[in-house]
Amino acid sequence: MNISRTARRGLRRWRWLPIGVAMAVALTACGSEADSGGSGAKKITFWLSTSAQLDGYNDLAKQFEAKEGVAVEIVNVPYDGYQDKLRQSAQANSLPDAASVPSLDPIWMNQLQDLSATANNPDNKIKKELVSEKDGKVLAIPSDLTVAGLFINKSLFDKAKVSYPTDPSQTWTWDEFLAAATKVRTATNAKYDLVYDASPARIRAFIYTHGGKGFQLGADGKYAMPDAATVQALTKFKSLNDDKVMPKSVWTSGGDPNALFKSGQVVAYFSGVWQVADFAEGITNFEWAAAPTPAQPVHATDINSGGKVVAFNNGNAAAAAKKWVDFLFQRDNYTKLSEANGYLPVASGLTLNYPFKQKAALDAFALYNKEIELADPISASGQAAGTKLNLDGKAIQKDPTKDEMAKFLNGEQDVNKTVENIVNGLNAQLS
């Protein structure tokens, strides 16, 4: 439910992509340049924050200038302080013309243009449940998606001669996965069956796949007490943290699940697509693979957005900025952007050919794209709630789920007290 953390992950992944052309990080060039005739902007600015996802935007900026006669200055802003810089720019009346932002901010939200024509264009096939809409206006369209999911140590599975599904449409249940993981651990003398990110977003996926609704934002703008299936899922999750199936330290004392998995002594890791870049570069002592998320019985995951693409209403630059955003999401252009930047797309039905060399990485992208297509709509409800709160001028600054789950796993409180504290902790930030 912490949008800024999710955006931070999305803005820092895919480190093995070449950056290509260097982009300015100084923020002296805010706003646009008008032509001498005053008929419109001949240059606009587009802000974003990324460590490697520039190539796709740079290429499209060149194409946009050739087609429209408007140059796009891409300004790569350091992530730390990005939101503050946007606020300061709004107060100084010097916002960029367009941007990819971590989240919407009430300080400048009233200066956004309506992107409904782009979002609702049937040719673009943008998933409507992912856009930020208020009062019938689309204020932002996600640049891409982040998705939770499962990775396995393929070498251990092969050594133990244990099979695993590769097609999300023919996935396993959690019981089947856990039985297979235990069999692999026993046969190979691995240390743990599974490590699981200590994250509210990842625990949402566990809840959803077990048929629970999780912690949902109600029509009254408050979080409601969860259903019985959610309570049962959390109880099951606690039972798995027994220092055999899963190490309790990840959720209770800051153990690093990424490092544990990369040690080669863990059968599987539940995390998300942002790990693909790191694994492609950093795992050399064993083969890894993305595997379908278990369904028991619901085929679900946790789907979040990367950056939110917006166009500001900056006088004579407004039309060009809006046209630039529309250009980005036109189907052929967005396909190129997704391929170059390693995006999981917000548009459905794209055929993507990612320029990555490692087969495991390519297979992972193919699997995650299929997971998105098959995922139950509840998978995006967490990000939808965060967006709704932003649109209402509110936000969850600190999700209490991780801390309360740590108390639960340590035996300091029961499951009912845990869910009560989570709900109360969320709602206390909304009053």
Protein backbone atom coordinates (compact mmCIF):
# COMPACT_ATOMS: atom_id res chain seq x y z
CA MET A 1 0.00 0.00 0.00
CA ASN A 2 3.09 2.23 0.04
CA ILE A 3 3.10 3.58 -3.47
CA SER A 4 6.42 5.38 -3.18
CA ARG A 5 8.25 2.16 -2.31
CA THR A 6 6.74 0.37 -5.23
CA ALA A 7 7.65 3.18 -7.57
CA ARG A 8 11.18 3.23 -6.15
CA ARG A 9 11.63 -0.45 -7.02
CA GLY A 10 10.27 0.11 -10.50
CA LEU A 11 12.57 3.09 -11.11
CA ARG A 12 15.74 1.25 -10.07
CA ARG A 13 15.54 -2.05 -11.87
CA TRP A 14 16.96 -3.49 -15.14
CA ARG A 15 20.54 -2.41 -14.42
CA TRP A 16 21.95 -4.35 -17.34
CA LEU A 17 20.30 -2.13 -19.92
CA PRO A 18 22.73 0.32 -21.58
CA ILE A 19 21.98 3.96 -20.84
CA GLY A 20 23.16 5.24 -24.21
CA VAL A 21 22.82 9.01 -24.38
CA ALA A 22 23.56 10.88 -21.16
CA MET A 23 20.66 12.91 -19.81
CA ALA A 24 20.74 16.12 -17.83
CA VAL A 25 20.08 15.92 -14.13
CA ALA A 26 20.16 19.64 -13.47
CA LEU A 27 16.73 21.13 -13.11
CA THR A 28 17.45 24.49 -14.62
CA ALA A 29 15.43 23.78 -17.78
CA CYS A 30 11.89 23.68 -16.43
CA GLY A 31 8.97 24.28 -18.73
CA SER A 32 9.07 24.85 -22.45
CA GLU A 33 10.48 27.13 -25.11
CA ALA A 34 8.02 28.95 -27.37
CA ASP A 35 8.75 29.64 -31.00
CA SER A 36 9.23 33.20 -32.18
CA GLY A 37 5.73 33.36 -33.61
CA GLY A 38 4.12 32.42 -30.33
CA SER A 39 2.09 29.65 -31.97
CA GLY A 40 3.24 26.94 -29.56
CA ALA A 41 6.22 25.20 -27.99
CA LYS A 42 9.21 24.06 -30.03
CA LYS A 43 10.72 22.30 -27.02
CA ILE A 44 9.13 20.62 -24.00
CA THR A 45 10.58 19.01 -20.89
CA PHE A 46 9.89 15.48 -19.64
CA TRP A 47 11.06 14.52 -16.15
CA LEU A 48 11.58 11.01 -14.85
CA SER A 49 13.84 9.21 -12.39
CA THR A 50 15.65 6.06 -13.44
CA SER A 51 19.01 4.34 -13.22
CA ALA A 52 18.79 2.66 -16.63
CA GLN A 53 15.43 3.06 -18.36
CA LEU A 54 16.29 5.98 -20.62
CA ASP A 55 16.96 4.44 -24.01
CA GLY A 56 13.33 3.89 -24.95
CA TYR A 57 12.34 7.46 -24.10
CA ASN A 58 15.39 8.89 -25.86
CA ASP A 59 14.60 7.00 -29.06
CA LEU A 60 10.97 8.05 -29.05
CA ALA A 61 11.91 11.67 -28.34
CA LYS A 62 13.93 11.72 -31.56
CA GLN A 63 11.01 10.24 -33.49
CA PHE A 64 8.59 12.71 -31.93
CA GLU A 65 10.76 15.68 -32.90
CA ALA A 66 11.07 14.39 -36.47
CA LYS A 67 7.30 13.99 -36.74
CA GLU A 68 5.99 16.99 -34.79
CA GLY A 69 8.87 19.46 -34.91
CA VAL A 70 8.95 19.62 -31.11
CA ALA A 71 12.10 18.63 -29.20
CA VAL A 72 11.71 16.72 -25.93
CA GLU A 73 14.33 17.45 -23.28
CA ILE A 74 14.46 14.41 -21.03
CA VAL A 75 15.59 15.33 -17.52
CA ASN A 76 16.65 12.44 -15.30
CA VAL A 77 15.99 13.59 -11.73
CA PRO A 78 17.64 11.84 -8.75
CA TYR A 79 14.95 9.77 -7.01
CA ASP A 80 15.71 11.10 -3.54
CA GLY A 81 14.02 14.46 -3.42
CA TYR A 82 12.05 14.03 -6.66
CA GLN A 83 8.68 14.55 -5.01
CA ASP A 84 10.01 17.59 -3.13
CA LYS A 85 11.42 19.02 -6.35
CA LEU A 86 8.01 18.67 -8.01
CA ARG A 87 6.38 20.46 -5.09
CA GLN A 88 8.92 23.26 -5.17
CA SER A 89 8.48 23.59 -8.93
CA ALA A 90 4.71 23.78 -8.55
CA GLN A 91 5.04 26.56 -5.99
CA ALA A 92 7.47 28.40 -8.28
CA ASN A 93 5.21 27.90 -11.31
CA SER A 94 8.00 26.00 -13.09
CA LEU A 95 6.71 22.48 -13.43
CA PRO A 96 7.92 20.33 -16.33
CA ASP A 97 5.62 19.97 -19.30
CA ALA A 98 5.26 16.21 -18.81
CA ALA A 99 6.70 13.69 -16.39
CA SER A 100 6.78 10.15 -15.08
CA VAL A 101 6.16 10.58 -11.34
CA PRO A 102 6.22 8.14 -8.42
CA SER A 103 2.76 9.21 -7.25
CA LEU A 104 0.25 12.02 -7.60
CA ASP A 105 0.41 14.97 -5.24
CA PRO A 106 -2.49 17.26 -4.27
CA ILE A 107 -0.09 20.23 -4.48
CA TRP A 108 0.04 20.02 -8.28
CA MET A 109 -2.72 17.57 -9.20
CA ASN A 110 -5.06 20.39 -10.27
CA GLN A 111 -2.51 21.38 -12.93
CA LEU A 112 -2.73 18.06 -14.79
CA GLN A 113 -4.28 17.64 -18.21
CA ASP A 114 -6.96 15.09 -18.99
CA LEU A 115 -5.45 12.05 -20.74
CA SER A 116 -8.78 10.32 -21.34
CA ALA A 117 -8.40 10.35 -25.11
CA THR A 118 -5.15 8.40 -24.85
CA ALA A 119 -6.30 6.04 -22.09
CA ASN A 120 -9.62 5.27 -23.78
CA ASN A 121 -8.32 4.92 -27.33
CA PRO A 122 -9.31 1.33 -28.23
CA ASP A 123 -6.21 0.98 -30.41
CA ASN A 124 -3.94 1.52 -27.40
CA LYS A 125 -5.63 -1.21 -25.30
CA ILE A 126 -4.52 0.36 -22.02
CA LYS A 127 -5.89 -1.49 -19.01
CA LYS A 128 -8.48 0.88 -17.61
CA GLU A 129 -8.21 -0.39 -14.03
CA LEU A 130 -4.63 0.89 -13.85
CA VAL A 131 -5.13 4.55 -14.81
CA SER A 132 -5.59 7.35 -12.27
CA GLU A 133 -9.04 8.81 -12.88
CA LYS A 134 -10.96 11.49 -10.99
CA ASP A 135 -14.25 13.20 -11.86
CA GLY A 136 -14.25 11.51 -15.26
CA LYS A 137 -10.74 12.71 -16.13
CA VAL A 138 -7.69 10.47 -16.54
CA LEU A 139 -4.86 12.27 -14.76
CA ALA A 140 -2.10 9.66 -15.13
CA ILE A 141 -1.27 6.49 -17.04
CA PRO A 142 1.32 4.06 -15.60
CA SER A 143 4.50 3.69 -17.62
CA ASP A 144 4.68 0.01 -16.73
CA LEU A 145 3.78 -2.63 -14.18
CA THR A 146 5.56 -4.41 -11.36
CA VAL A 147 4.34 -7.89 -10.49
CA ALA A 148 5.04 -10.22 -7.57
CA GLY A 149 5.98 -13.80 -8.32
CA LEU A 150 8.00 -16.91 -7.67
CA PHE A 151 11.57 -17.86 -8.55
CA ILE A 152 13.11 -21.30 -8.13
CA ASN A 153 16.61 -22.70 -7.95
CA LYS A 154 16.37 -24.73 -11.13
CA SER A 155 19.63 -26.52 -10.43
CA LEU A 156 18.25 -27.91 -7.17
CA PHE A 157 15.00 -29.00 -8.82
CA ASP A 158 16.95 -30.73 -11.59
CA LYS A 159 19.31 -32.39 -9.14
CA ALA A 160 16.38 -33.72 -7.12
CA LYS A 161 14.58 -34.74 -10.33
CA VAL A 162 11.45 -32.86 -9.22
CA SER A 163 9.28 -31.31 -11.93
CA TYR A 164 7.66 -27.88 -11.83
CA PRO A 165 5.14 -26.07 -14.05
CA THR A 166 6.33 -23.48 -16.56
CA ASP A 167 2.96 -22.28 -17.86
CA PRO A 168 0.88 -20.00 -15.58
CA SER A 169 -2.29 -21.41 -17.12
CA GLN A 170 -1.31 -24.80 -15.66
CA THR A 171 0.06 -23.62 -12.34
CA TRP A 172 0.40 -25.57 -9.11
CA THR A 173 -1.37 -25.03 -5.80
CA TRP A 174 0.53 -23.79 -2.77
CA ASP A 175 0.26 -27.26 -1.25
CA GLU A 176 1.76 -28.81 -4.39
CA PHE A 177 4.53 -26.24 -4.55
CA LEU A 178 5.43 -26.63 -0.87
CA ALA A 179 5.45 -30.41 -1.16
CA ALA A 180 7.76 -30.17 -4.17
CA ALA A 181 10.04 -27.67 -2.42
CA THR A 182 10.33 -29.87 0.66
CA LYS A 183 11.18 -32.83 -1.54
CA VAL A 184 13.90 -30.80 -3.25
CA ARG A 185 15.30 -29.51 0.03
CA THR A 186 15.46 -32.98 1.50
CA ALA A 187 17.07 -34.52 -1.59
CA THR A 188 19.70 -31.81 -2.00
CA ASN A 189 20.39 -30.84 1.65
CA ALA A 190 19.32 -27.27 0.96
CA LYS A 191 18.68 -25.06 3.97
CA TYR A 192 15.15 -23.77 3.33
CA ASP A 193 12.18 -24.47 1.08
CA LEU A 194 11.34 -20.81 0.54
CA VAL A 195 12.26 -17.23 1.34
CA TYR A 196 9.53 -14.61 1.08
CA ASP A 197 9.95 -10.84 0.84
CA ALA A 198 8.93 -9.01 4.01
CA SER A 199 6.55 -6.67 2.23
CA PRO A 200 2.87 -5.71 2.52
CA ALA A 201 2.56 -6.08 -1.26
CA ARG A 202 3.95 -9.59 -1.28
CA ILE A 203 1.76 -10.76 1.59
CA ARG A 204 -1.20 -9.45 -0.40
CA ALA A 205 -0.34 -11.96 -3.12
CA PHE A 206 -0.28 -14.81 -0.59
CA ILE A 207 -3.69 -13.74 0.71
CA TYR A 208 -5.26 -13.31 -2.72
CA THR A 209 -4.05 -16.68 -4.01
CA HIS A 210 -5.63 -18.32 -0.96
CA GLY A 211 -9.00 -16.76 -1.74
CA GLY A 212 -8.82 -13.90 0.73
CA LYS A 213 -9.74 -10.30 -0.03
CA GLY A 214 -7.02 -8.84 2.18
CA PHE A 215 -7.16 -5.31 3.53
CA GLN A 216 -9.53 -3.47 1.22
CA LEU A 217 -10.34 0.22 1.15
CA GLY A 218 -14.08 0.69 1.61
CA ALA A 219 -16.46 3.11 -0.06
CA ASP A 220 -16.24 5.23 3.10
CA GLY A 221 -12.52 5.79 2.53
CA LYS A 222 -11.52 3.53 5.43
CA TYR A 223 -9.98 0.08 5.56
CA ALA A 224 -12.34 -2.67 6.70
CA MET A 225 -11.59 -5.72 8.83
CA PRO A 226 -10.58 -8.58 6.51
CA ASP A 227 -12.57 -11.70 5.70
CA ALA A 228 -12.09 -15.13 7.24
CA ALA A 229 -10.04 -16.38 4.27
CA THR A 230 -7.51 -13.60 4.89
CA VAL A 231 -7.19 -14.57 8.54
CA GLN A 232 -6.73 -18.20 7.55
CA ALA A 233 -4.05 -17.28 5.00
CA LEU A 234 -2.09 -15.26 7.54
CA THR A 235 -2.35 -18.14 10.02
CA LYS A 236 -0.96 -20.48 7.37
CA PHE A 237 1.83 -18.05 6.58
CA LYS A 238 2.87 -18.03 10.24
CA SER A 239 3.01 -21.83 10.30
CA LEU A 240 5.44 -21.80 7.36
CA ASN A 241 7.89 -19.56 9.21
CA ASP A 242 9.33 -22.44 11.19
CA ASP A 243 13.03 -22.05 10.26
CA LYS A 244 12.70 -25.09 8.06
CA VAL A 245 10.17 -24.27 5.37
CA MET A 246 10.96 -20.55 5.73
CA PRO A 247 13.48 -18.70 7.91
CA LYS A 248 11.64 -16.60 10.47
CA SER A 249 14.43 -14.02 10.39
CA VAL A 250 13.30 -12.46 7.09
CA TRP A 251 10.09 -11.12 8.58
CA THR A 252 11.17 -10.73 12.19
CA SER A 253 14.74 -9.45 12.17
CA GLY A 254 15.62 -8.08 8.77
CA GLY A 255 17.08 -11.18 7.12
CA ASP A 256 17.88 -10.61 3.43
CA PRO A 257 15.83 -13.00 1.26
CA ASN A 258 17.64 -11.94 -1.92
CA ALA A 259 21.04 -12.84 -0.47
CA LEU A 260 19.70 -16.10 0.96
CA PHE A 261 18.33 -17.18 -2.41
CA LYS A 262 21.51 -16.19 -4.25
CA SER A 263 23.54 -18.30 -1.82
CA GLY A 264 22.16 -21.37 -3.59
CA GLN A 265 20.90 -22.90 -0.35
CA VAL A 266 17.21 -22.00 -0.78
CA VAL A 267 14.83 -23.86 -3.09
CA ALA A 268 12.58 -20.91 -3.99
CA TYR A 269 12.06 -17.20 -3.51
CA PHE A 270 8.80 -15.24 -3.66
CA SER A 271 9.56 -11.69 -4.75
CA GLY A 272 8.85 -10.07 -8.12
CA VAL A 273 9.86 -9.12 -11.62
CA TRP A 274 12.30 -6.43 -10.45
CA GLN A 275 14.67 -9.25 -9.38
CA VAL A 276 15.22 -10.44 -12.96
CA ALA A 277 17.96 -7.89 -13.70
CA ASP A 278 19.85 -8.70 -10.52
CA PHE A 279 19.59 -12.45 -11.06
CA ALA A 280 20.69 -12.19 -14.69
CA GLU A 281 23.84 -10.40 -13.56
CA GLY A 282 24.41 -11.72 -10.08
CA ILE A 283 23.62 -15.45 -10.05
CA THR A 284 26.47 -17.43 -11.55
CA ASN A 285 26.70 -20.45 -9.25
CA PHE A 286 23.39 -22.08 -10.21
CA GLU A 287 20.57 -21.90 -12.75
CA TRP A 288 17.45 -20.01 -11.74
CA ALA A 289 14.00 -19.72 -13.31
CA ALA A 290 10.77 -17.82 -12.85
CA ALA A 291 7.92 -20.19 -11.98
CA PRO A 292 4.15 -19.67 -11.95
CA THR A 293 2.65 -18.23 -8.79
CA PRO A 294 0.72 -20.96 -6.95
CA ALA A 295 -3.08 -20.68 -6.95
CA GLN A 296 -5.12 -22.01 -4.04
CA PRO A 297 -7.65 -21.61 -5.54
CA VAL A 298 -7.35 -18.10 -7.01
CA HIS A 299 -4.93 -17.28 -9.81
CA ALA A 300 -3.67 -13.95 -8.51
CA THR A 301 -0.60 -11.93 -7.65
CA ASP A 302 0.08 -8.34 -6.60
CA ILE A 303 0.19 -5.88 -9.50
CA ASN A 304 1.50 -2.36 -9.04
CA SER A 305 2.48 0.47 -11.32
CA GLY A 306 5.90 1.90 -12.04
CA GLY A 307 5.97 5.59 -12.83
CA LYS A 308 2.76 7.53 -13.51
CA VAL A 309 2.95 9.48 -16.75
CA VAL A 310 1.33 12.92 -16.61
CA ALA A 311 1.05 16.07 -18.73
CA PHE A 312 0.95 19.47 -17.04
CA ASN A 313 -1.17 22.35 -18.27
CA ASN A 314 1.73 24.69 -19.00
CA GLY A 315 0.32 27.38 -21.23
CA ASN A 316 1.48 27.19 -24.83
CA ALA A 317 3.33 23.91 -24.13
CA ALA A 318 0.21 22.08 -22.98
CA ALA A 319 -0.84 20.81 -26.41
CA ALA A 320 2.64 19.53 -27.25
CA ALA A 321 3.01 17.85 -23.85
CA LYS A 322 -0.31 16.09 -24.24
CA LYS A 323 0.62 15.04 -27.76
CA TRP A 324 3.94 13.64 -26.45
CA VAL A 325 2.18 11.50 -23.86
CA ASP A 326 -0.26 10.27 -26.49
CA PHE A 327 2.71 9.48 -28.76
CA LEU A 328 4.31 7.37 -26.00
CA PHE A 329 1.25 5.17 -25.64
CA GLN A 330 0.45 4.66 -29.31
CA ARG A 331 0.66 0.92 -29.75
CA ASP A 332 3.77 0.67 -31.97
CA ASN A 333 5.62 3.28 -29.93
CA TYR A 334 4.69 1.76 -26.60
CA THR A 335 5.83 -1.64 -27.86
CA LYS A 336 9.26 -0.13 -28.63
CA LEU A 337 9.36 1.61 -25.26
CA SER A 338 8.48 -1.59 -23.38
CA GLU A 339 11.07 -3.61 -25.26
CA ALA A 340 13.89 -1.08 -24.86
CA ASN A 341 13.20 -0.35 -21.17
CA GLY A 342 12.32 -3.88 -20.08
CA TYR A 343 8.76 -2.96 -19.14
CA LEU A 344 5.90 -5.20 -18.23
CA PRO A 345 3.30 -3.30 -20.26
CA VAL A 346 0.09 -1.62 -19.16
CA ALA A 347 -1.39 -2.37 -22.60
CA SER A 348 -2.85 -5.78 -23.29
CA GLY A 349 -2.00 -8.10 -26.15
CA LEU A 350 1.44 -6.75 -27.06
CA THR A 351 3.99 -9.03 -28.72
CA LEU A 352 7.31 -8.03 -27.15
CA ASN A 353 10.82 -9.03 -28.16
CA TYR A 354 13.05 -7.97 -25.29
CA PRO A 355 16.71 -7.40 -26.23
CA PHE A 356 18.08 -9.53 -23.41
CA LYS A 357 20.56 -12.33 -23.92
CA GLN A 358 19.99 -14.69 -20.98
CA LYS A 359 17.28 -17.27 -21.65
CA ALA A 360 16.16 -17.30 -18.01
CA ALA A 361 15.51 -13.54 -18.17
CA LEU A 362 13.60 -13.80 -21.45
CA ASP A 363 11.55 -16.71 -20.09
CA ALA A 364 10.83 -14.71 -16.94
CA PHE A 365 9.42 -11.79 -18.92
CA ALA A 366 7.26 -14.12 -20.98
CA LEU A 367 5.95 -15.78 -17.83
CA TYR A 368 5.23 -12.51 -16.02
CA ASN A 369 3.39 -11.09 -19.00
CA LYS A 370 1.20 -14.19 -19.05
CA GLU A 371 0.67 -13.96 -15.28
CA ILE A 372 -0.69 -10.44 -15.74
CA GLU A 373 -3.12 -11.58 -18.41
CA LEU A 374 -4.43 -14.42 -16.20
CA ALA A 375 -4.44 -12.62 -12.85
CA ASP A 376 -7.70 -12.11 -10.99
CA PRO A 377 -8.70 -8.40 -10.91
CA ILE A 378 -8.14 -8.32 -7.15
CA SER A 379 -4.42 -8.41 -7.95
CA ALA A 380 -4.45 -4.68 -8.74
CA SER A 381 -6.67 -3.64 -5.83
CA GLY A 382 -3.76 -2.59 -3.62
CA GLN A 383 -2.39 -0.11 -6.12
CA ALA A 384 -5.93 1.04 -6.93
CA ALA A 385 -6.53 1.85 -3.27
CA GLY A 386 -3.29 3.80 -3.07
CA THR A 387 -4.21 5.76 -6.19
CA LYS A 388 -7.69 6.52 -4.83
CA LEU A 389 -6.19 7.87 -1.62
CA ASN A 390 -3.78 10.04 -3.62
CA LEU A 391 -6.64 11.42 -5.66
CA ASP A 392 -8.43 12.25 -2.42
CA GLY A 393 -5.35 14.03 -1.10
CA LYS A 394 -4.38 11.26 1.33
CA ALA A 395 -1.66 8.60 1.55
CA ILE A 396 -0.41 5.71 3.64
CA GLN A 397 3.06 6.87 4.63
CA LYS A 398 3.94 3.73 6.60
CA ASP A 399 2.10 0.47 6.13
CA PRO A 400 1.93 -1.33 9.50
CA THR A 401 1.59 -4.81 7.96
CA LYS A 402 5.25 -5.81 8.19
CA ASP A 403 5.69 -4.76 11.82
CA GLU A 404 2.44 -6.35 12.94
CA MET A 405 3.21 -9.58 11.10
CA ALA A 406 6.62 -9.70 12.81
CA LYS A 407 4.88 -9.54 16.19
CA PHE A 408 2.53 -12.30 15.08
CA LEU A 409 5.34 -14.56 13.87
CA ASN A 410 7.25 -13.99 17.11
CA GLY A 411 4.22 -15.06 19.15
CA GLU A 412 3.72 -11.61 20.67
CA GLN A 413 0.09 -11.42 19.53
CA ASP A 414 -2.51 -13.65 17.89
CA VAL A 415 -3.83 -13.34 14.36
CA ASN A 416 -6.97 -11.44 15.36
CA LYS A 417 -4.95 -8.78 17.18
CA THR A 418 -2.61 -8.64 14.19
CA VAL A 419 -5.32 -7.84 11.64
CA GLU A 420 -6.98 -5.41 14.04
CA ASN A 421 -3.70 -3.53 14.49
CA ILE A 422 -3.09 -3.45 10.74
CA VAL A 423 -6.53 -2.01 10.02
CA ASN A 424 -6.29 0.52 12.86
CA GLY A 425 -2.77 1.50 11.80
CA LEU A 426 -3.90 2.14 8.23
CA ASN A 427 -6.98 4.08 9.20
CA ALA A 428 -5.12 6.23 11.74
CA GLN A 429 -3.24 7.78 8.80
CA LEU A 430 -6.49 8.63 6.99
CA SER A 431 -8.27 10.59 9.68
